[in-house]
C-alpha atoms as a PDB file:
ATOM      1  CA  MET A   1      -9.894  -2.076  15.622  1.00  0.00           C
ATOM      2  CA  MET A   2      -9.935  -0.451  12.502  1.00  0.00           C
ATOM      3  CA  ARG A   3     -12.509  -1.728   9.580  1.00  0.00           C
ATOM      4  CA  TYR A   4     -12.507  -1.323   5.821  1.00  0.00           C
ATOM      5  CA  ILE A   5     -15.071   0.577   4.544  1.00  0.00           C
ATOM      6  CA  THR A   6     -17.464  -1.289   2.342  1.00  0.00           C
ATOM      7  CA  PRO A   7     -17.218   0.485  -1.417  1.00  0.00           C
ATOM      8  CA  THR A   8     -20.335   1.629  -3.127  1.00  0.00           C
ATOM      9  CA  PRO A   9     -20.425   1.490  -6.910  1.00  0.00           C
ATOM     10  CA  THR A  10     -20.202   5.278  -6.938  1.00  0.00           C
ATOM     11  CA  MET A  11     -16.556   4.934  -4.848  1.00  0.00           C
ATOM     12  CA  ARG A  12     -14.912   2.541  -7.347  1.00  0.00           C
ATOM     13  CA  LYS A  13     -12.256   4.758  -9.677  1.00  0.00           C
ATOM     14  CA  SER A  14     -10.854   3.772 -12.856  1.00  0.00           C
ATOM     15  CA  PRO A  15      -7.284   3.070 -13.059  1.00  0.00           C
ATOM     16  CA  PHE A  16      -4.910   5.871 -12.935  1.00  0.00           C
ATOM     17  CA  PRO A  17      -3.326   6.684 -16.419  1.00  0.00           C
ATOM     18  CA  ARG A  18       0.183   5.631 -16.859  1.00  0.00           C
ATOM     19  CA  ALA A  19       1.816   8.874 -16.499  1.00  0.00           C
ATOM     20  CA  TRP A  20       4.429   8.185 -14.106  1.00  0.00           C
ATOM     21  CA  ILE A  21       7.740   9.878 -13.159  1.00  0.00           C
ATOM     22  CA  LYS A  22      10.545   7.412 -13.844  1.00  0.00           C
ATOM     23  CA  THR A  23      13.056   6.227 -11.292  1.00  0.00           C
ATOM     24  CA  LYS A  24      15.539   3.500 -11.265  1.00  0.00           C
ATOM     25  CA  LEU A  25      14.682   0.289  -9.431  1.00  0.00           C
ATOM     26  CA  PRO A  26      15.885  -3.334  -9.479  1.00  0.00           C
ATOM     27  CA  GLN A  27      14.583  -5.424 -12.269  1.00  0.00           C
ATOM     28  CA  ILE A  28      12.469  -8.537 -11.507  1.00  0.00           C
ATOM     29  CA  ASN A  29      14.088 -11.744 -12.004  1.00  0.00           C
ATOM     30  CA  PRO A  30      13.135 -13.149 -15.231  1.00  0.00           C
ATOM     31  CA  SER A  31      12.648 -16.349 -13.596  1.00  0.00           C
ATOM     32  CA  THR A  32      10.019 -15.059 -11.289  1.00  0.00           C
ATOM     33  CA  GLN A  33       6.762 -16.022 -13.221  1.00  0.00           C
ATOM     34  CA  VAL A  34       3.539 -16.867 -11.871  1.00  0.00           C
ATOM     35  CA  SER A  35       4.471 -20.443 -11.660  1.00  0.00           C
ATOM     36  CA  ASN A  36       6.960 -19.518  -9.001  1.00  0.00           C
ATOM     37  CA  PHE A  37       4.343 -18.072  -6.573  1.00  0.00           C
ATOM     38  CA  SER A  38       4.714 -20.729  -4.170  1.00  0.00           C
ATOM     39  CA  LEU A  39       8.305 -20.374  -3.771  1.00  0.00           C
ATOM     40  CA  ASN A  40       8.014 -16.623  -3.287  1.00  0.00           C
ATOM     41  CA  SER A  41       4.997 -16.554  -1.115  1.00  0.00           C
ATOM     42  CA  HIS A  42       5.284 -15.525   2.499  1.00  0.00           C
ATOM     43  CA  THR A  43       3.021 -13.930   5.024  1.00  0.00           C
ATOM     44  CA  GLN A  44       4.047 -11.564   8.008  1.00  0.00           C
ATOM     45  CA  MET A  45       2.609  -9.596  10.647  1.00  0.00           C
ATOM     46  CA  GLU A  46       3.181  -5.898   9.517  1.00  0.00           C
ATOM     47  CA  VAL A  47       3.654  -3.421  12.451  1.00  0.00           C
ATOM     48  CA  GLU A  48       4.325   0.208  11.583  1.00  0.00           C
ATOM     49  CA  VAL A  49       4.228   3.718  12.999  1.00  0.00           C
ATOM     50  CA  LYS A  50       1.928   5.937  10.778  1.00  0.00           C
ATOM     51  CA  LEU A  51       1.648   9.770  11.278  1.00  0.00           C
ATOM     52  CA  ARG A  52      -0.139  11.831   9.177  1.00  0.00           C
ATOM     53  CA  LEU A  53       1.526  15.132   8.003  1.00  0.00           C
ATOM     54  CA  LEU A  54      -1.104  17.994   7.861  1.00  0.00           C
ATOM     55  CA  ASN A  55      -0.249  19.661   4.384  1.00  0.00           C
ATOM     56  CA  SER A  56       2.437  20.051   1.483  1.00  0.00           C
ATOM     57  CA  ILE A  57       4.416  22.483   3.692  1.00  0.00           C
ATOM     58  CA  SER A  58       5.198  20.149   6.374  1.00  0.00           C
ATOM     59  CA  HIS A  59       5.807  17.390   3.929  1.00  0.00           C
ATOM     60  CA  GLN A  60       8.574  19.320   2.067  1.00  0.00           C
ATOM     61  CA  LYS A  61       9.780  20.507   5.467  1.00  0.00           C
ATOM     62  CA  LEU A  62      10.444  16.990   6.477  1.00  0.00           C
ATOM     63  CA  SER A  63      11.727  16.073   3.198  1.00  0.00           C
ATOM     64  CA  ASN A  64      14.321  18.774   3.322  1.00  0.00           C
ATOM     65  CA  LEU A  65      15.110  17.947   6.962  1.00  0.00           C
ATOM     66  CA  LEU A  66      15.899  14.501   5.911  1.00  0.00           C
ATOM     67  CA  SER A  67      17.531  14.789   2.671  1.00  0.00           C
ATOM     68  CA  ARG A  68      21.067  13.787   3.839  1.00  0.00           C
ATOM     69  CA  PHE A  69      19.678  10.434   4.728  1.00  0.00           C
ATOM     70  CA  HIS A  70      17.602   9.790   1.848  1.00  0.00           C
ATOM     71  CA  THR A  71      18.701   6.390   0.081  1.00  0.00           C
ATOM     72  CA  LYS A  72      15.949   6.015  -2.704  1.00  0.00           C
ATOM     73  CA  THR A  73      12.580   7.179  -4.028  1.00  0.00           C
ATOM     74  CA  LEU A  74       9.703   4.763  -5.100  1.00  0.00           C
ATOM     75  CA  ILE A  75       7.257   5.352  -7.580  1.00  0.00           C
ATOM     76  CA  GLN A  76       4.420   3.024  -6.688  1.00  0.00           C
ATOM     77  CA  GLU A  77       0.987   2.415  -8.372  1.00  0.00           C
ATOM     78  CA  ASN A  78      -1.785   0.626  -6.053  1.00  0.00           C
ATOM     79  CA  ILE A  79      -4.688  -1.323  -7.862  1.00  0.00           C
ATOM     80  CA  PHE A  80      -7.289  -2.949  -5.611  1.00  0.00           C
ATOM     81  CA  PHE A  81      -9.641  -5.633  -6.342  1.00  0.00           C
ATOM     82  CA  ASP A  82     -12.662  -7.045  -4.420  1.00  0.00           C
ATOM     83  CA  THR A  83     -16.027  -8.875  -5.228  1.00  0.00           C
ATOM     84  CA  PRO A  84     -19.059  -7.330  -6.799  1.00  0.00           C
ATOM     85  CA  LYS A  85     -20.565  -7.767  -3.371  1.00  0.00           C
ATOM     86  CA  SER A  86     -17.338  -6.269  -1.548  1.00  0.00           C
ATOM     87  CA  THR A  87     -16.873  -9.579   0.073  1.00  0.00           C
ATOM     88  CA  LEU A  88     -13.117  -8.857   0.982  1.00  0.00           C
ATOM     89  CA  ALA A  89     -13.476  -5.262   2.334  1.00  0.00           C
ATOM     90  CA  SER A  90     -16.549  -6.215   4.548  1.00  0.00           C
ATOM     91  CA  ASN A  91     -14.284  -9.198   5.916  1.00  0.00           C
ATOM     92  CA  ASN A  92     -11.321  -6.741   6.684  1.00  0.00           C
ATOM     93  CA  ALA A  93      -9.148  -7.649   3.715  1.00  0.00           C
ATOM     94  CA  ALA A  94      -7.545  -6.069   0.728  1.00  0.00           C
ATOM     95  CA  LEU A  95      -6.413  -7.598  -2.447  1.00  0.00           C
ATOM     96  CA  ARG A  96      -3.844  -5.248  -4.242  1.00  0.00           C
ATOM     97  CA  LEU A  97      -1.478  -5.168  -6.976  1.00  0.00           C
ATOM     98  CA  ARG A  98       1.346  -2.885  -6.878  1.00  0.00           C
ATOM     99  CA  PHE A  99       3.374  -1.575  -9.650  1.00  0.00           C
ATOM    100  CA  TYR A 100       7.013   0.065  -9.265  1.00  0.00           C
ATOM    101  CA  ASP A 101       8.560   2.320 -11.601  1.00  0.00           C
ATOM    102  CA  LEU A 102       5.654   1.680 -14.242  1.00  0.00           C
ATOM    103  CA  ASP A 103       6.163  -2.043 -14.934  1.00  0.00           C
ATOM    104  CA  SER A 104       9.449  -2.841 -13.904  1.00  0.00           C
ATOM    105  CA  TYR A 105       8.411  -4.734 -10.794  1.00  0.00           C
ATOM    106  CA  SER A 106       5.093  -5.846  -9.141  1.00  0.00           C
ATOM    107  CA  ILE A 107       3.747  -7.592  -5.854  1.00  0.00           C
ATOM    108  CA  LEU A 108       0.323  -9.222  -5.527  1.00  0.00           C
ATOM    109  CA  SER A 109      -0.384  -8.826  -1.987  1.00  0.00           C
ATOM    110  CA  LEU A 110      -3.492  -9.702   0.391  1.00  0.00           C
ATOM    111  CA  LYS A 111      -3.991  -7.668   3.608  1.00  0.00           C
ATOM    112  CA  SER A 112      -6.335  -8.646   6.215  1.00  0.00           C
ATOM    113  CA  LYS A 113      -6.981  -8.168  10.142  1.00  0.00           C
ATOM    114  CA  PRO A 114      -6.075  -4.410  10.240  1.00  0.00           C
ATOM    115  CA  GLU A 115      -5.756  -2.736  13.474  1.00  0.00           C
ATOM    116  CA  LEU A 116      -4.878   1.010  13.765  1.00  0.00           C
ATOM    117  CA  SER A 117      -4.438   2.965  16.941  1.00  0.00           C
ATOM    118  CA  GLN A 118      -2.814   5.947  18.384  1.00  0.00           C
ATOM    119  CA  GLY A 119      -0.558   5.925  15.210  1.00  0.00           C
ATOM    120  CA  ILE A 120       0.560   2.280  15.427  1.00  0.00           C
ATOM    121  CA  SER A 121      -0.833  -0.069  12.607  1.00  0.00           C
ATOM    122  CA  GLN A 122      -0.783  -3.896  12.484  1.00  0.00           C
ATOM    123  CA  VAL A 123      -1.933  -5.921   9.570  1.00  0.00           C
ATOM    124  CA  GLU A 124      -1.459  -9.330   8.234  1.00  0.00           C
ATOM    125  CA  GLU A 125       0.142  -9.141   5.070  1.00  0.00           C
ATOM    126  CA  HIS A 126       0.515 -12.106   2.429  1.00  0.00           C
ATOM    127  CA  GLU A 127       2.853 -11.219  -0.738  1.00  0.00           C
ATOM    128  CA  GLU A 128       3.881 -12.805  -3.927  1.00  0.00           C
ATOM    129  CA  PRO A 129       5.914 -11.194  -6.712  1.00  0.00           C
ATOM    130  CA  ILE A 130       4.146 -11.612  -9.953  1.00  0.00           C
ATOM    131  CA  ASP A 131       5.390 -10.699 -13.587  1.00  0.00           C
ATOM    132  CA  PRO A 132       4.488  -7.217 -14.417  1.00  0.00           C
ATOM    133  CA  SER A 133       3.005  -7.766 -17.859  1.00  0.00           C
ATOM    134  CA  LEU A 134       0.558 -10.485 -16.542  1.00  0.00           C
ATOM    135  CA  ALA A 135      -0.400  -8.418 -13.674  1.00  0.00           C
ATOM    136  CA  ARG A 136      -1.207  -5.497 -15.945  1.00  0.00           C
ATOM    137  CA  SER A 137      -3.714  -7.516 -17.787  1.00  0.00           C
ATOM    138  CA  PHE A 138      -5.913  -8.379 -14.799  1.00  0.00           C
ATOM    139  CA  LEU A 139      -7.015  -4.521 -14.878  1.00  0.00           C
ATOM    140  CA  ALA A 140      -9.112  -5.203 -17.859  1.00  0.00           C
ATOM    141  CA  ASN A 141      -9.482  -8.795 -16.800  1.00  0.00           C
ATOM    142  CA  PRO A 142      -9.830  -9.184 -13.397  1.00  0.00           C
ATOM    143  CA  ARG A 143     -11.320 -12.649 -13.540  1.00  0.00           C
ATOM    144  CA  GLY A 144      -7.686 -13.743 -14.607  1.00  0.00           C
ATOM    145  CA  LEU A 145      -6.543 -13.483 -11.355  1.00  0.00           C
ATOM    146  CA  LEU A 146      -8.994 -16.486 -10.239  1.00  0.00           C
ATOM    147  CA  ASP A 147      -7.189 -18.493 -12.698  1.00  0.00           C
ATOM    148  CA  LEU A 148      -4.151 -18.427 -10.773  1.00  0.00           C
ATOM    149  CA  THR A 149      -5.200 -20.538  -7.895  1.00  0.00           C
ATOM    150  CA  SER A 150      -3.401 -23.538  -8.857  1.00  0.00           C
ATOM    151  CA  SER A 151      -0.208 -21.363  -8.538  1.00  0.00           C
ATOM    152  CA  SER A 152      -0.873 -18.561  -6.032  1.00  0.00           C
ATOM    153  CA  GLN A 153      -1.212 -19.064  -2.321  1.00  0.00           C
ATOM    154  CA  ILE A 154      -2.954 -15.776  -2.276  1.00  0.00           C
ATOM    155  CA  MET A 155      -5.612 -16.446  -4.871  1.00  0.00           C
ATOM    156  CA  LYS A 156      -6.141 -20.022  -3.301  1.00  0.00           C
ATOM    157  CA  ARG A 157      -6.884 -17.777  -0.189  1.00  0.00           C
ATOM    158  CA  VAL A 158      -9.222 -15.459  -1.783  1.00  0.00           C
ATOM    159  CA  LYS A 159     -11.108 -18.099  -3.533  1.00  0.00           C
ATOM    160  CA  GLY A 160     -11.425 -20.603  -0.636  1.00  0.00           C
ATOM    161  CA  GLU A 161     -11.322 -18.086   2.442  1.00  0.00           C
ATOM    162  CA  PHE A 162     -13.154 -15.795   1.125  1.00  0.00           C
ATOM    163  CA  GLY A 163     -15.377 -17.610  -1.337  1.00  0.00           C
ATOM    164  CA  ALA A 164     -14.618 -15.159  -4.403  1.00  0.00           C
ATOM    165  CA  ASP A 165     -15.790 -16.229  -7.455  1.00  0.00           C
ATOM    166  CA  GLU A 166     -15.792 -13.212  -9.434  1.00  0.00           C
ATOM    167  CA  LEU A 167     -13.772 -10.226  -8.884  1.00  0.00           C
ATOM    168  CA  VAL A 168     -13.950  -6.411 -10.159  1.00  0.00           C
ATOM    169  CA  CYS A 169     -11.091  -3.630 -10.330  1.00  0.00           C
ATOM    170  CA  LEU A 170     -11.821  -0.803  -7.801  1.00  0.00           C
ATOM    171  CA  GLY A 171      -9.042   1.075  -9.553  1.00  0.00           C
ATOM    172  CA  GLY A 172      -6.484   2.832  -7.067  1.00  0.00           C
ATOM    173  CA  PHE A 173      -4.161   5.593  -6.576  1.00  0.00           C
ATOM    174  CA  LYS A 174      -0.257   6.301  -7.031  1.00  0.00           C
ATOM    175  CA  ASN A 175       2.145   7.148  -4.448  1.00  0.00           C
ATOM    176  CA  VAL A 176       5.739   8.712  -4.341  1.00  0.00           C
ATOM    177  CA  ARG A 177       7.794   7.511  -1.407  1.00  0.00           C
ATOM    178  CA  GLY A 178      11.025   8.757  -0.220  1.00  0.00           C
ATOM    179  CA  VAL A 179      12.965   6.438   1.829  1.00  0.00           C
ATOM    180  CA  TYR A 180      15.531   7.556   4.567  1.00  0.00           C
ATOM    181  CA  ASP A 181      17.774   5.886   6.598  1.00  0.00           C
ATOM    182  CA  TRP A 182      17.652   7.865  10.100  1.00  0.00           C
ATOM    183  CA  LYS A 183      18.996   6.773  13.455  1.00  0.00           C
ATOM    184  CA  GLY A 184      18.890   3.376  12.672  1.00  0.00           C
ATOM    185  CA  LEU A 185      15.051   3.563  11.402  1.00  0.00           C
ATOM    186  CA  LYS A 186      13.723   3.005   7.825  1.00  0.00           C
ATOM    187  CA  LEU A 187      11.594   6.353   7.469  1.00  0.00           C
ATOM    188  CA  GLU A 188       9.158   6.281   4.565  1.00  0.00           C
ATOM    189  CA  LEU A 189       7.866   9.783   3.485  1.00  0.00           C
ATOM    190  CA  ASP A 190       4.739   9.316   1.567  1.00  0.00           C
ATOM    191  CA  GLU A 191       2.814  11.947  -0.949  1.00  0.00           C
ATOM    192  CA  THR A 192      -0.364   9.813  -1.983  1.00  0.00           C
ATOM    193  CA  LEU A 193      -2.195  10.917  -4.813  1.00  0.00           C
ATOM    194  CA  TYR A 194      -5.949  10.127  -4.973  1.00  0.00           C
ATOM    195  CA  ASP A 195      -8.614  11.181  -7.580  1.00  0.00           C
ATOM    196  CA  PHE A 196      -9.972  13.431  -4.838  1.00  0.00           C
ATOM    197  CA  GLY A 197      -6.699  14.932  -3.503  1.00  0.00           C
ATOM    198  CA  VAL A 198      -3.193  14.441  -1.977  1.00  0.00           C
ATOM    199  CA  SER A 199      -2.227  13.222   1.476  1.00  0.00           C
ATOM    200  CA  TYR A 200       1.136  12.964   3.318  1.00  0.00           C
ATOM    201  CA  GLU A 201       2.223  10.481   5.943  1.00  0.00           C
ATOM    202  CA  ILE A 202       5.791   9.370   7.481  1.00  0.00           C
ATOM    203  CA  GLU A 203       5.848   5.620   8.257  1.00  0.00           C
ATOM    204  CA  CYS A 204       8.250   3.211   9.759  1.00  0.00           C
ATOM    205  CA  GLU A 205       8.106  -0.416   9.926  1.00  0.00           C
ATOM    206  CA  SER A 206       8.933  -1.489  13.584  1.00  0.00           C
ATOM    207  CA  LYS A 207       9.864  -4.009  16.043  1.00  0.00           C
ATOM    208  CA  GLU A 208       9.337  -1.842  18.951  1.00  0.00           C
ATOM    209  CA  PRO A 209       6.751   0.721  17.505  1.00  0.00           C
ATOM    210  CA  GLU A 210       6.084   2.540  20.865  1.00  0.00           C
ATOM    211  CA  ARG A 211       9.881   3.477  21.274  1.00  0.00           C
ATOM    212  CA  ASP A 212      10.253   4.249  17.554  1.00  0.00           C
ATOM    213  CA  LYS A 213       7.124   6.432  17.402  1.00  0.00           C
ATOM    214  CA  LYS A 214       8.434   8.578  20.249  1.00  0.00           C
ATOM    215  CA  SER A 215      11.721   8.994  18.344  1.00  0.00           C
ATOM    216  CA  ILE A 216       9.723  10.278  15.252  1.00  0.00           C
ATOM    217  CA  GLU A 217       7.618  12.380  17.085  1.00  0.00           C
ATOM    218  CA  GLY A 218      10.555  14.201  18.781  1.00  0.00           C
ATOM    219  CA  LEU A 219      12.099  14.729  15.295  1.00  0.00           C
ATOM    220  CA  LEU A 220       8.813  16.343  14.060  1.00  0.00           C
ATOM    221  CA  GLU A 221       8.138  18.302  17.380  1.00  0.00           C
ATOM    222  CA  GLU A 222      11.578  19.667  17.604  1.00  0.00           C
ATOM    223  CA  ASN A 223      11.370  21.060  14.194  1.00  0.00           C
ATOM    224  CA  GLY A 224       7.739  22.436  14.214  1.00  0.00           C
ATOM    225  CA  ILE A 225       6.495  20.007  11.873  1.00  0.00           C
ATOM    226  CA  ASP A 226       2.667  19.315  12.352  1.00  0.00           C
ATOM    227  CA  TYR A 227       1.341  15.926  12.448  1.00  0.00           C
ATOM    228  CA  GLU A 228      -1.441  13.763  13.719  1.00  0.00           C
ATOM    229  CA  TYR A 229      -1.682  10.257  14.270  1.00  0.00           C
ATOM    230  CA  SER A 230      -3.404   8.351  11.200  1.00  0.00           C
ATOM    231  CA  GLU A 231      -6.769   6.951  11.733  1.00  0.00           C
ATOM    232  CA  LEU A 232      -7.187   5.348   8.376  1.00  0.00           C
ATOM    233  CA  ASN A 233      -4.703   3.243   6.390  1.00  0.00           C
ATOM    234  CA  LYS A 234      -4.648   4.428   2.568  1.00  0.00           C
ATOM    235  CA  PHE A 235      -7.110   1.770   1.090  1.00  0.00           C
ATOM    236  CA  ALA A 236      -9.752   2.875   3.563  1.00  0.00           C
ATOM    237  CA  VAL A 237      -9.021   6.707   2.498  1.00  0.00           C
ATOM    238  CA  PHE A 238      -9.395   5.521  -1.157  1.00  0.00           C
ATOM    239  CA  LEU A 239     -12.643   3.645  -0.383  1.00  0.00           C
ATOM    240  CA  SER A 240     -14.027   6.539   1.447  1.00  0.00           C
ATOM    241  CA  GLY A 241     -13.622   8.800  -1.553  1.00  0.00           C
ATOM    242  CA  LYS A 242     -12.420  11.937   0.588  1.00  0.00           C
ATOM    243  CA  LEU A 243      -9.278  12.877   2.414  1.00  0.00           C
ATOM    244  CA  PRO A 244      -8.918  12.864   6.147  1.00  0.00           C
ATOM    245  CA  THR A 245      -9.846  16.120   8.252  1.00  0.00           C
END
């Protein structure tokens, strides 16, 4: 089982500047406000194939190879929160706000019980849509998230299950995700930009991960694209403060 690395004060990053490439994404429904959290909240077990590409050359080669299967590009900003004593991370949980295309759309999520082995990841994921302007305010005022416990199932869990009575913003990273429809699979090709470097990964959410992993490995190997099984998820890489080697 993979465990998150508990952050030290020196690991915490400031939120990234809002210098983003723009892409056209669906707009959030104006009626989806914080008061509707309970109507839109859902929990699932996310199972993914995760393969790390070794360098930018491999990433570009795969991007070119998949270009005719491209469906969209997503620009993501991921910001994380924890208690001052890292209660969530020490219990293998991660509280995240994800912003798409600056502030066009945003999601509050709680991930827990992560497992990552031989390129296959399993994690429990609880998600709720949240108004982007409200979500953005929590970067400067993390405590405001705890005020959502009456309307957000996630924040009820954070406060009740983990006993969080104070939150701090850990900062985060940005991600450029190319999405491809290839042989019935939705492949996600990531270029992840941390303060300390850039990493590359291909992911695929799957109901039959062993089968789909073999298909993706075949694609990479047939085209001479170097890869390894991912050993850490992106949040764990962020907390470690260094790229996988």
